[in-house]
PDB file of N, CA and C in Angstrom:
ATOM      1  N   MET A   1       0.649  -2.337  14.347  1.00  0.00           N
ATOM      2  CA  MET A   1       1.250  -2.678  13.116  1.00  0.00           C
ATOM      3  C   MET A   1       0.496  -2.044  11.962  1.00  0.00           C
ATOM      4  N   GLN A   2       1.168  -1.929  10.851  1.00  0.00           N
ATOM      5  CA  GLN A   2       0.625  -1.437   9.598  1.00  0.00           C
ATOM      6  C   GLN A   2       0.783  -2.473   8.536  1.00  0.00           C
ATOM      7  N   ALA A   3      -0.223  -2.649   7.760  1.00  0.00           N
ATOM      8  CA  ALA A   3      -0.224  -3.570   6.602  1.00  0.00           C
ATOM      9  C   ALA A   3      -0.855  -2.862   5.405  1.00  0.00           C
ATOM     10  N   PHE A   4      -0.223  -3.124   4.249  1.00  0.00           N
ATOM     11  CA  PHE A   4      -0.706  -2.549   2.965  1.00  0.00           C
ATOM     12  C   PHE A   4      -1.070  -3.731   2.090  1.00  0.00           C
ATOM     13  N   GLY A   5      -2.245  -3.747   1.526  1.00  0.00           N
ATOM     14  CA  GLY A   5      -2.679  -4.827   0.613  1.00  0.00           C
ATOM     15  C   GLY A   5      -3.993  -4.563  -0.001  1.00  0.00           C
ATOM     16  N   ASN A   6      -4.507  -5.647  -0.667  1.00  0.00           N
ATOM     17  CA  ASN A   6      -5.750  -5.530  -1.403  1.00  0.00           C
ATOM     18  C   ASN A   6      -6.880  -6.209  -0.631  1.00  0.00           C
ATOM     19  N   VAL A   7      -8.044  -5.572  -0.547  1.00  0.00           N
ATOM     20  CA  VAL A   7      -9.262  -6.179   0.060  1.00  0.00           C
ATOM     21  C   VAL A   7      -9.589  -7.369  -0.880  1.00  0.00           C
ATOM     22  N   ALA A   8      -9.703  -8.552  -0.261  1.00  0.00           N
ATOM     23  CA  ALA A   8      -9.973  -9.811  -1.015  1.00  0.00           C
ATOM     24  C   ALA A   8     -11.398 -10.260  -0.875  1.00  0.00           C
ATOM     25  N   THR A   9     -12.134  -9.756   0.086  1.00  0.00           N
ATOM     26  CA  THR A   9     -13.580 -10.078   0.201  1.00  0.00           C
ATOM     27  C   THR A   9     -14.281  -8.768   0.548  1.00  0.00           C
ATOM     28  N   GLU A  10     -15.563  -8.742   0.156  1.00  0.00           N
ATOM     29  CA  GLU A  10     -16.421  -7.605   0.478  1.00  0.00           C
ATOM     30  C   GLU A  10     -16.500  -7.488   1.989  1.00  0.00           C
ATOM     31  N   PRO A  11     -16.298  -6.275   2.556  1.00  0.00           N
ATOM     32  CA  PRO A  11     -16.542  -6.109   4.017  1.00  0.00           C
ATOM     33  C   PRO A  11     -17.960  -6.522   4.415  1.00  0.00           C
ATOM     34  N   THR A  12     -18.053  -7.277   5.498  1.00  0.00           N
ATOM     35  CA  THR A  12     -19.328  -7.722   6.034  1.00  0.00           C
ATOM     36  C   THR A  12     -19.589  -7.173   7.372  1.00  0.00           C
ATOM     37  N   ARG A  13     -20.811  -6.675   7.486  1.00  0.00           N
ATOM     38  CA  ARG A  13     -21.254  -6.131   8.852  1.00  0.00           C
ATOM     39  C   ARG A  13     -21.615  -7.264   9.742  1.00  0.00           C
ATOM     40  N   LYS A  14     -21.083  -7.277  11.019  1.00  0.00           N
ATOM     41  CA  LYS A  14     -21.354  -8.345  11.914  1.00  0.00           C
ATOM     42  C   LYS A  14     -21.691  -7.726  13.251  1.00  0.00           C
ATOM     43  N   GLU A  15     -22.193  -8.546  14.131  1.00  0.00           N
ATOM     44  CA  GLU A  15     -22.562  -8.140  15.506  1.00  0.00           C
ATOM     45  C   GLU A  15     -21.987  -9.062  16.531  1.00  0.00           C
ATOM     46  N   SER A  16     -21.350  -8.531  17.510  1.00  0.00           N
ATOM     47  CA  SER A  16     -20.741  -9.355  18.578  1.00  0.00           C
ATOM     48  C   SER A  16     -21.823 -10.102  19.347  1.00  0.00           C
ATOM     49  N   LYS A  17     -21.626 -11.445  19.522  1.00  0.00           N
ATOM     50  CA  LYS A  17     -22.612 -12.256  20.213  1.00  0.00           C
ATOM     51  C   LYS A  17     -22.697 -11.889  21.724  1.00  0.00           C
ATOM     52  N   THR A  18     -21.536 -11.409  22.252  1.00  0.00           N
ATOM     53  CA  THR A  18     -21.509 -11.121  23.685  1.00  0.00           C
ATOM     54  C   THR A  18     -21.918  -9.727  24.041  1.00  0.00           C
ATOM     55  N   SER A  19     -21.429  -8.727  23.260  1.00  0.00           N
ATOM     56  CA  SER A  19     -21.717  -7.308  23.612  1.00  0.00           C
ATOM     57  C   SER A  19     -22.835  -6.652  22.749  1.00  0.00           C
ATOM     58  N   GLY A  20     -23.118  -7.255  21.589  1.00  0.00           N
ATOM     59  CA  GLY A  20     -24.043  -6.707  20.679  1.00  0.00           C
ATOM     60  C   GLY A  20     -23.520  -5.587  19.844  1.00  0.00           C
ATOM     61  N   LYS A  21     -22.250  -5.265  19.980  1.00  0.00           N
ATOM     62  CA  LYS A  21     -21.639  -4.182  19.221  1.00  0.00           C
ATOM     63  C   LYS A  21     -21.420  -4.627  17.737  1.00  0.00           C
ATOM     64  N   VAL A  22     -21.605  -3.628  16.839  1.00  0.00           N
ATOM     65  CA  VAL A  22     -21.404  -3.839  15.393  1.00  0.00           C
ATOM     66  C   VAL A  22     -20.014  -3.622  15.013  1.00  0.00           C
ATOM     67  N   TYR A  23     -19.503  -4.506  14.126  1.00  0.00           N
ATOM     68  CA  TYR A  23     -18.177  -4.356  13.549  1.00  0.00           C
ATOM     69  C   TYR A  23     -18.221  -4.807  12.092  1.00  0.00           C
ATOM     70  N   TRP A  24     -17.109  -4.559  11.415  1.00  0.00           N
ATOM     71  CA  TRP A  24     -16.925  -4.944  10.003  1.00  0.00           C
ATOM     72  C   TRP A  24     -15.722  -5.850   9.828  1.00  0.00           C
ATOM     73  N   GLU A  25     -15.874  -6.850   8.995  1.00  0.00           N
ATOM     74  CA  GLU A  25     -14.833  -7.797   8.812  1.00  0.00           C
ATOM     75  C   GLU A  25     -14.587  -8.123   7.343  1.00  0.00           C
ATOM     76  N   TRP A  26     -13.326  -8.304   6.939  1.00  0.00           N
ATOM     77  CA  TRP A  26     -13.038  -8.673   5.578  1.00  0.00           C
ATOM     78  C   TRP A  26     -11.647  -9.348   5.556  1.00  0.00           C
ATOM     79  N   ARG A  27     -11.265 -10.001   4.417  1.00  0.00           N
ATOM     80  CA  ARG A  27      -9.973 -10.606   4.248  1.00  0.00           C
ATOM     81  C   ARG A  27      -9.173  -9.617   3.412  1.00  0.00           C
ATOM     82  N   MET A  28      -7.812  -9.678   3.662  1.00  0.00           N
ATOM     83  CA  MET A  28      -6.875  -8.768   3.000  1.00  0.00           C
ATOM     84  C   MET A  28      -5.642  -9.580   2.673  1.00  0.00           C
ATOM     85  N   CYS A  29      -5.105  -9.335   1.477  1.00  0.00           N
ATOM     86  CA  CYS A  29      -3.859 -10.012   0.948  1.00  0.00           C
ATOM     87  C   CYS A  29      -2.760  -8.955   0.844  1.00  0.00           C
ATOM     88  N   GLU A  30      -1.671  -9.228   1.554  1.00  0.00           N
ATOM     89  CA  GLU A  30      -0.524  -8.344   1.464  1.00  0.00           C
ATOM     90  C   GLU A  30       0.578  -9.117   0.749  1.00  0.00           C
ATOM     91  N   SER A  31       1.151  -8.470  -0.275  1.00  0.00           N
ATOM     92  CA  SER A  31       2.161  -9.126  -1.075  1.00  0.00           C
ATOM     93  C   SER A  31       3.264  -8.103  -1.378  1.00  0.00           C
ATOM     94  N   GLN A  32       4.455  -8.629  -1.657  1.00  0.00           N
ATOM     95  CA  GLN A  32       5.563  -7.770  -2.030  1.00  0.00           C
ATOM     96  C   GLN A  32       5.438  -7.313  -3.411  1.00  0.00           C
ATOM     97  N   ARG A  33       6.148  -6.287  -3.815  1.00  0.00           N
ATOM     98  CA  ARG A  33       6.065  -5.861  -5.199  1.00  0.00           C
ATOM     99  C   ARG A  33       6.533  -6.926  -6.180  1.00  0.00           C
ATOM    100  N   GLY A  34       5.962  -6.910  -7.355  1.00  0.00           N
ATOM    101  CA  GLY A  34       6.345  -7.962  -8.308  1.00  0.00           C
ATOM    102  C   GLY A  34       5.655  -9.272  -8.013  1.00  0.00           C
ATOM    103  N   GLN A  35       6.292 -10.323  -8.374  1.00  0.00           N
ATOM    104  CA  GLN A  35       5.742 -11.658  -8.110  1.00  0.00           C
ATOM    105  C   GLN A  35       5.966 -12.118  -6.678  1.00  0.00           C
ATOM    106  N   ASP A  36       4.950 -12.452  -5.958  1.00  0.00           N
ATOM    107  CA  ASP A  36       5.073 -12.920  -4.564  1.00  0.00           C
ATOM    108  C   ASP A  36       4.402 -14.271  -4.533  1.00  0.00           C
ATOM    109  N   ASP A  37       5.267 -15.366  -4.333  1.00  0.00           N
ATOM    110  CA  ASP A  37       4.654 -16.661  -4.303  1.00  0.00           C
ATOM    111  C   ASP A  37       4.041 -17.029  -2.959  1.00  0.00           C
ATOM    112  N   ALA A  38       4.306 -16.236  -1.963  1.00  0.00           N
ATOM    113  CA  ALA A  38       3.767 -16.488  -0.629  1.00  0.00           C
ATOM    114  C   ALA A  38       3.208 -15.218   0.066  1.00  0.00           C
ATOM    115  N   PRO A  39       2.084 -14.722  -0.476  1.00  0.00           N
ATOM    116  CA  PRO A  39       1.485 -13.466   0.130  1.00  0.00           C
ATOM    117  C   PRO A  39       0.993 -13.803   1.536  1.00  0.00           C
ATOM    118  N   THR A  40       0.856 -12.775   2.334  1.00  0.00           N
ATOM    119  CA  THR A  40       0.362 -12.888   3.727  1.00  0.00           C
ATOM    120  C   THR A  40      -1.099 -12.492   3.738  1.00  0.00           C
ATOM    121  N   TRP A  41      -1.916 -13.436   4.263  1.00  0.00           N
ATOM    122  CA  TRP A  41      -3.397 -13.197   4.362  1.00  0.00           C
ATOM    123  C   TRP A  41      -3.794 -12.827   5.770  1.00  0.00           C
ATOM    124  N   TYR A  42      -4.675 -11.805   5.912  1.00  0.00           N
ATOM    125  CA  TYR A  42      -5.170 -11.379   7.149  1.00  0.00           C
ATOM    126  C   TYR A  42      -6.684 -11.352   7.130  1.00  0.00           C
ATOM    127  N   THR A  43      -7.304 -11.568   8.314  1.00  0.00           N
ATOM    128  CA  THR A  43      -8.657 -11.206   8.494  1.00  0.00           C
ATOM    129  C   THR A  43      -8.572  -9.902   9.226  1.00  0.00           C
ATOM    130  N   VAL A  44      -9.328  -8.853   8.674  1.00  0.00           N
ATOM    131  CA  VAL A  44      -9.337  -7.514   9.298  1.00  0.00           C
ATOM    132  C   VAL A  44     -10.658  -7.307   9.924  1.00  0.00           C
ATOM    133  N   ARG A  45     -10.612  -6.860  11.202  1.00  0.00           N
ATOM    134  CA  ARG A  45     -11.866  -6.610  11.954  1.00  0.00           C
ATOM    135  C   ARG A  45     -11.787  -5.171  12.376  1.00  0.00           C
ATOM    136  N   SER A  46     -12.669  -4.325  11.832  1.00  0.00           N
ATOM    137  CA  SER A  46     -12.790  -2.905  12.218  1.00  0.00           C
ATOM    138  C   SER A  46     -13.962  -2.800  13.171  1.00  0.00           C
ATOM    139  N   MET A  47     -13.653  -2.406  14.435  1.00  0.00           N
ATOM    140  CA  MET A  47     -14.671  -2.383  15.432  1.00  0.00           C
ATOM    141  C   MET A  47     -15.554  -1.123  15.403  1.00  0.00           C
ATOM    142  N   LYS A  48     -15.387  -0.303  14.352  1.00  0.00           N
ATOM    143  CA  LYS A  48     -16.260   0.853  14.192  1.00  0.00           C
ATOM    144  C   LYS A  48     -17.522   0.446  13.541  1.00  0.00           C
ATOM    145  N   PRO A  49     -18.692   0.985  14.032  1.00  0.00           N
ATOM    146  CA  PRO A  49     -19.985   0.609  13.444  1.00  0.00           C
ATOM    147  C   PRO A  49     -20.255   1.155  12.034  1.00  0.00           C
ATOM    148  N   ASP A  50     -19.488   2.172  11.638  1.00  0.00           N
ATOM    149  CA  ASP A  50     -19.694   2.782  10.371  1.00  0.00           C
ATOM    150  C   ASP A  50     -19.142   1.929   9.207  1.00  0.00           C
ATOM    151  N   ASP A  51     -19.839   1.892   8.065  1.00  0.00           N
ATOM    152  CA  ASP A  51     -19.384   1.197   6.869  1.00  0.00           C
ATOM    153  C   ASP A  51     -18.008   1.729   6.524  1.00  0.00           C
ATOM    154  N   PRO A  52     -17.006   0.872   6.309  1.00  0.00           N
ATOM    155  CA  PRO A  52     -15.632   1.315   5.990  1.00  0.00           C
ATOM    156  C   PRO A  52     -15.536   1.875   4.536  1.00  0.00           C
ATOM    157  N   GLN A  53     -16.574   1.713   3.743  1.00  0.00           N
ATOM    158  CA  GLN A  53     -16.604   2.214   2.375  1.00  0.00           C
ATOM    159  C   GLN A  53     -15.445   1.601   1.532  1.00  0.00           C
ATOM    160  N   LEU A  54     -15.251   0.286   1.678  1.00  0.00           N
ATOM    161  CA  LEU A  54     -14.225  -0.438   0.922  1.00  0.00           C
ATOM    162  C   LEU A  54     -14.924  -1.444   0.091  1.00  0.00           C
ATOM    163  N   ALA A  55     -14.220  -1.838  -0.981  1.00  0.00           N
ATOM    164  CA  ALA A  55     -14.738  -2.860  -1.913  1.00  0.00           C
ATOM    165  C   ALA A  55     -13.619  -3.872  -2.268  1.00  0.00           C
ATOM    166  N   LYS A  56     -14.050  -5.041  -2.655  1.00  0.00           N
ATOM    167  CA  LYS A  56     -13.073  -6.041  -3.094  1.00  0.00           C
ATOM    168  C   LYS A  56     -12.161  -5.430  -4.135  1.00  0.00           C
ATOM    169  N   GLY A  57     -10.835  -5.598  -3.940  1.00  0.00           N
ATOM    170  CA  GLY A  57      -9.914  -5.061  -4.958  1.00  0.00           C
ATOM    171  C   GLY A  57      -9.237  -3.770  -4.555  1.00  0.00           C
ATOM    172  N   ASN A  58      -9.865  -2.985  -3.664  1.00  0.00           N
ATOM    173  CA  ASN A  58      -9.230  -1.739  -3.189  1.00  0.00           C
ATOM    174  C   ASN A  58      -7.891  -1.987  -2.573  1.00  0.00           C
ATOM    175  N   PHE A  59      -6.978  -1.033  -2.780  1.00  0.00           N
ATOM    176  CA  PHE A  59      -5.697  -1.104  -2.114  1.00  0.00           C
ATOM    177  C   PHE A  59      -5.810  -0.259  -0.834  1.00  0.00           C
ATOM    178  N   VAL A  60      -5.474  -0.930   0.359  1.00  0.00           N
ATOM    179  CA  VAL A  60      -5.770  -0.277   1.596  1.00  0.00           C
ATOM    180  C   VAL A  60      -4.533  -0.253   2.496  1.00  0.00           C
ATOM    181  N   LYS A  61      -4.533   0.733   3.437  1.00  0.00           N
ATOM    182  CA  LYS A  61      -3.608   0.655   4.575  1.00  0.00           C
ATOM    183  C   LYS A  61      -4.378   0.406   5.824  1.00  0.00           C
ATOM    184  N   VAL A  62      -3.996  -0.608   6.543  1.00  0.00           N
ATOM    185  CA  VAL A  62      -4.678  -1.018   7.808  1.00  0.00           C
ATOM    186  C   VAL A  62      -3.671  -0.833   8.932  1.00  0.00           C
ATOM    187  N   THR A  63      -4.085  -0.101   9.997  1.00  0.00           N
ATOM    188  CA  THR A  63      -3.297   0.060  11.192  1.00  0.00           C
ATOM    189  C   THR A  63      -4.114  -0.540  12.360  1.00  0.00           C
ATOM    190  N   GLY A  64      -3.419  -1.377  13.179  1.00  0.00           N
ATOM    191  CA  GLY A  64      -4.107  -1.986  14.272  1.00  0.00           C
ATOM    192  C   GLY A  64      -3.246  -2.946  15.067  1.00  0.00           C
ATOM    193  N   LYS A  65      -3.853  -3.756  15.807  1.00  0.00           N
ATOM    194  CA  LYS A  65      -3.214  -4.756  16.650  1.00  0.00           C
ATOM    195  C   LYS A  65      -3.283  -6.127  16.009  1.00  0.00           C
ATOM    196  N   LEU A  66      -2.081  -6.775  15.884  1.00  0.00           N
ATOM    197  CA  LEU A  66      -2.030  -8.120  15.235  1.00  0.00           C
ATOM    198  C   LEU A  66      -2.268  -9.185  16.311  1.00  0.00           C
ATOM    199  N   LYS A  67      -3.161 -10.090  16.037  1.00  0.00           N
ATOM    200  CA  LYS A  67      -3.423 -11.262  16.917  1.00  0.00           C
ATOM    201  C   LYS A  67      -3.468 -12.576  16.094  1.00  0.00           C
ATOM    202  N   VAL A  68      -3.345 -13.638  16.784  1.00  0.00           N
ATOM    203  CA  VAL A  68      -3.564 -14.949  16.169  1.00  0.00           C
ATOM    204  C   VAL A  68      -4.910 -15.407  16.649  1.00  0.00           C
ATOM    205  N   ASP A  69      -5.810 -15.730  15.726  1.00  0.00           N
ATOM    206  CA  ASP A  69      -7.150 -16.143  16.107  1.00  0.00           C
ATOM    207  C   ASP A  69      -7.224 -17.685  15.919  1.00  0.00           C
ATOM    208  N   ASN A  70      -7.282 -18.441  16.993  1.00  0.00           N
ATOM    209  CA  ASN A  70      -7.322 -19.847  16.945  1.00  0.00           C
ATOM    210  C   ASN A  70      -8.805 -20.291  17.064  1.00  0.00           C
ATOM    211  N   TYR A  71      -9.201 -21.305  16.220  1.00  0.00           N
ATOM    212  CA  TYR A  71     -10.488 -21.816  16.192  1.00  0.00           C
ATOM    213  C   TYR A  71     -10.515 -23.167  15.575  1.00  0.00           C
ATOM    214  N   LEU A  72     -11.676 -23.941  15.639  1.00  0.00           N
ATOM    215  CA  LEU A  72     -11.803 -25.235  15.066  1.00  0.00           C
ATOM    216  C   LEU A  72     -12.419 -24.987  13.685  1.00  0.00           C
ATOM    217  N   SER A  73     -11.877 -25.717  12.676  1.00  0.00           N
ATOM    218  CA  SER A  73     -12.413 -25.655  11.301  1.00  0.00           C
ATOM    219  C   SER A  73     -13.750 -26.347  11.294  1.00  0.00           C
ATOM    220  N   ARG A  74     -14.409 -26.286  10.142  1.00  0.00           N
ATOM    221  CA  ARG A  74     -15.717 -26.995   9.939  1.00  0.00           C
ATOM    222  C   ARG A  74     -15.507 -28.525  10.051  1.00  0.00           C
ATOM    223  N   GLU A  75     -14.304 -28.924   9.751  1.00  0.00           N
ATOM    224  CA  GLU A  75     -13.998 -30.365   9.863  1.00  0.00           C
ATOM    225  C   GLU A  75     -13.532 -30.745  11.335  1.00  0.00           C
ATOM    226  N   GLY A  76     -13.540 -29.730  12.225  1.00  0.00           N
ATOM    227  CA  GLY A  76     -13.172 -30.044  13.606  1.00  0.00           C
ATOM    228  C   GLY A  76     -11.710 -29.972  13.819  1.00  0.00           C
ATOM    229  N   LYS A  77     -10.874 -29.535  12.942  1.00  0.00           N
ATOM    230  CA  LYS A  77      -9.451 -29.449  13.109  1.00  0.00           C
ATOM    231  C   LYS A  77      -9.041 -28.190  13.673  1.00  0.00           C
ATOM    232  N   PRO A  78      -8.093 -28.080  14.634  1.00  0.00           N
ATOM    233  CA  PRO A  78      -7.635 -26.786  15.155  1.00  0.00           C
ATOM    234  C   PRO A  78      -6.890 -26.052  14.027  1.00  0.00           C
ATOM    235  N   THR A  79      -7.237 -24.769  13.884  1.00  0.00           N
ATOM    236  CA  THR A  79      -6.538 -23.929  12.846  1.00  0.00           C
ATOM    237  C   THR A  79      -6.473 -22.502  13.379  1.00  0.00           C
ATOM    238  N   CYS A  80      -5.801 -21.652  12.618  1.00  0.00           N
ATOM    239  CA  CYS A  80      -5.721 -20.251  13.108  1.00  0.00           C
ATOM    240  C   CYS A  80      -5.581 -19.345  11.863  1.00  0.00           C
ATOM    241  N   THR A  81      -5.810 -18.045  12.089  1.00  0.00           N
ATOM    242  CA  THR A  81      -5.677 -17.051  11.089  1.00  0.00           C
ATOM    243  C   THR A  81      -5.011 -15.809  11.762  1.00  0.00           C
ATOM    244  N   LEU A  82      -4.347 -14.969  10.960  1.00  0.00           N
ATOM    245  CA  LEU A  82      -3.790 -13.719  11.416  1.00  0.00           C
ATOM    246  C   LEU A  82      -4.994 -12.707  11.420  1.00  0.00           C
ATOM    247  N   LEU A  83      -5.193 -12.080  12.538  1.00  0.00           N
ATOM    248  CA  LEU A  83      -6.281 -11.144  12.696  1.00  0.00           C
ATOM    249  C   LEU A  83      -5.716  -9.804  13.020  1.00  0.00           C
ATOM    250  N   ILE A  84      -6.158  -8.771  12.325  1.00  0.00           N
ATOM    251  CA  ILE A  84      -5.826  -7.379  12.629  1.00  0.00           C
ATOM    252  C   ILE A  84      -7.037  -6.716  13.230  1.00  0.00           C
ATOM    253  N   ILE A  85      -6.959  -6.318  14.550  1.00  0.00           N
ATOM    254  CA  ILE A  85      -8.025  -5.522  15.150  1.00  0.00           C
ATOM    255  C   ILE A  85      -7.738  -4.116  14.699  1.00  0.00           C
ATOM    256  N   ALA A  86      -8.405  -3.601  13.726  1.00  0.00           N
ATOM    257  CA  ALA A  86      -8.084  -2.284  13.068  1.00  0.00           C
ATOM    258  C   ALA A  86      -8.649  -1.104  13.781  1.00  0.00           C
ATOM    259  N   PHE A  87      -7.838  -0.113  13.999  1.00  0.00           N
ATOM    260  CA  PHE A  87      -8.398   1.148  14.465  1.00  0.00           C
ATOM    261  C   PHE A  87      -8.333   2.187  13.308  1.00  0.00           C
ATOM    262  N   GLU A  88      -7.687   1.788  12.237  1.00  0.00           N
ATOM    263  CA  GLU A  88      -7.740   2.636  10.935  1.00  0.00           C
ATOM    264  C   GLU A  88      -7.665   1.714   9.768  1.00  0.00           C
ATOM    265  N   ALA A  89      -8.534   1.930   8.810  1.00  0.00           N
ATOM    266  CA  ALA A  89      -8.535   1.217   7.555  1.00  0.00           C
ATOM    267  C   ALA A  89      -8.864   2.162   6.436  1.00  0.00           C
ATOM    268  N   ALA A  90      -7.976   2.474   5.592  1.00  0.00           N
ATOM    269  CA  ALA A  90      -8.266   3.562   4.604  1.00  0.00           C
ATOM    270  C   ALA A  90      -7.825   3.101   3.211  1.00  0.00           C
ATOM    271  N   LYS A  91      -8.664   3.337   2.253  1.00  0.00           N
ATOM    272  CA  LYS A  91      -8.332   3.130   0.851  1.00  0.00           C
ATOM    273  C   LYS A  91      -7.309   4.149   0.438  1.00  0.00           C
ATOM    274  N   ILE A  92      -6.281   3.655  -0.225  1.00  0.00           N
ATOM    275  CA  ILE A  92      -5.231   4.565  -0.768  1.00  0.00           C
ATOM    276  C   ILE A  92      -4.976   4.252  -2.214  1.00  0.00           C
ATOM    277  N   ALA A  93      -4.505   5.261  -2.912  1.00  0.00           N
ATOM    278  CA  ALA A  93      -4.189   5.069  -4.331  1.00  0.00           C
ATOM    279  C   ALA A  93      -2.834   4.365  -4.457  1.00  0.00           C
ATOM    280  N   LYS A  94      -2.779   3.410  -5.343  1.00  0.00           N
ATOM    281  CA  LYS A  94      -1.492   2.737  -5.593  1.00  0.00           C
ATOM    282  C   LYS A  94      -0.555   3.714  -6.264  1.00  0.00           C
ATOM    283  N   PRO A  95       0.725   3.671  -5.945  1.00  0.00           N
ATOM    284  CA  PRO A  95       1.655   4.612  -6.632  1.00  0.00           C
ATOM    285  C   PRO A  95       1.695   4.280  -8.088  1.00  0.00           C
ATOM    286  N   THR A  96       1.799   5.287  -8.913  1.00  0.00           N
ATOM    287  CA  THR A  96       1.857   5.087 -10.320  1.00  0.00           C
ATOM    288  C   THR A  96       3.266   5.282 -10.821  1.00  0.00           C
ATOM    289  N   VAL A  97       3.704   4.614 -11.840  1.00  0.00           N
ATOM    290  CA  VAL A  97       5.007   4.747 -12.407  1.00  0.00           C
ATOM    291  C   VAL A  97       5.001   5.874 -13.393  1.00  0.00           C
ATOM    292  N   ALA A  98       5.939   6.815 -13.167  1.00  0.00           N
ATOM    293  CA  ALA A  98       5.945   7.952 -14.087  1.00  0.00           C
ATOM    294  C   ALA A  98       6.507   7.525 -15.445  1.00  0.00           C
ATOM    295  N   THR A  99       5.868   7.970 -16.522  1.00  0.00           N
ATOM    296  CA  THR A  99       6.365   7.675 -17.855  1.00  0.00           C
ATOM    297  C   THR A  99       7.225   8.801 -18.353  1.00  0.00           C
ATOM    298  N   PRO A 100       8.343   8.502 -18.975  1.00  0.00           N
ATOM    299  CA  PRO A 100       9.253   9.560 -19.439  1.00  0.00           C
ATOM    300  C   PRO A 100       8.602  10.387 -20.522  1.00  0.00           C
ATOM    301  N   ALA A 101       8.841  11.639 -20.443  1.00  0.00           N
ATOM    302  CA  ALA A 101       8.334  12.598 -21.498  1.00  0.00           C
ATOM    303  C   ALA A 101       8.998  12.338 -22.822  1.00  0.00           C
ATOM    304  N   ALA A 102       8.252  12.345 -23.847  1.00  0.00           N
ATOM    305  CA  ALA A 102       8.800  12.097 -25.195  1.00  0.00           C
ATOM    306  C   ALA A 102       9.298  13.386 -25.870  1.00  0.00           C
TER     307      ALA A 102
END
């Protein structure tokens, strides 16, 4: 799947408890053009050990596998999040609107 949106949290370097492999994780918000009252939120996990060179607010294209991550909240309630296991995450420039020549 591909998703386009804004990085909502600074990417964080993490390490797998089972394999010891390094990965990067951040939240991303995907919304439609204009006013979107119900944006889609994802947790993005890039399994590459290299820093993705992204910052909060960057507009990105993420390509990967979509999964539902089920877990217990801090309050002990079952909850879930949409998780993209990313094999590509790249900062892209937002399209600009051309202004008419005067």
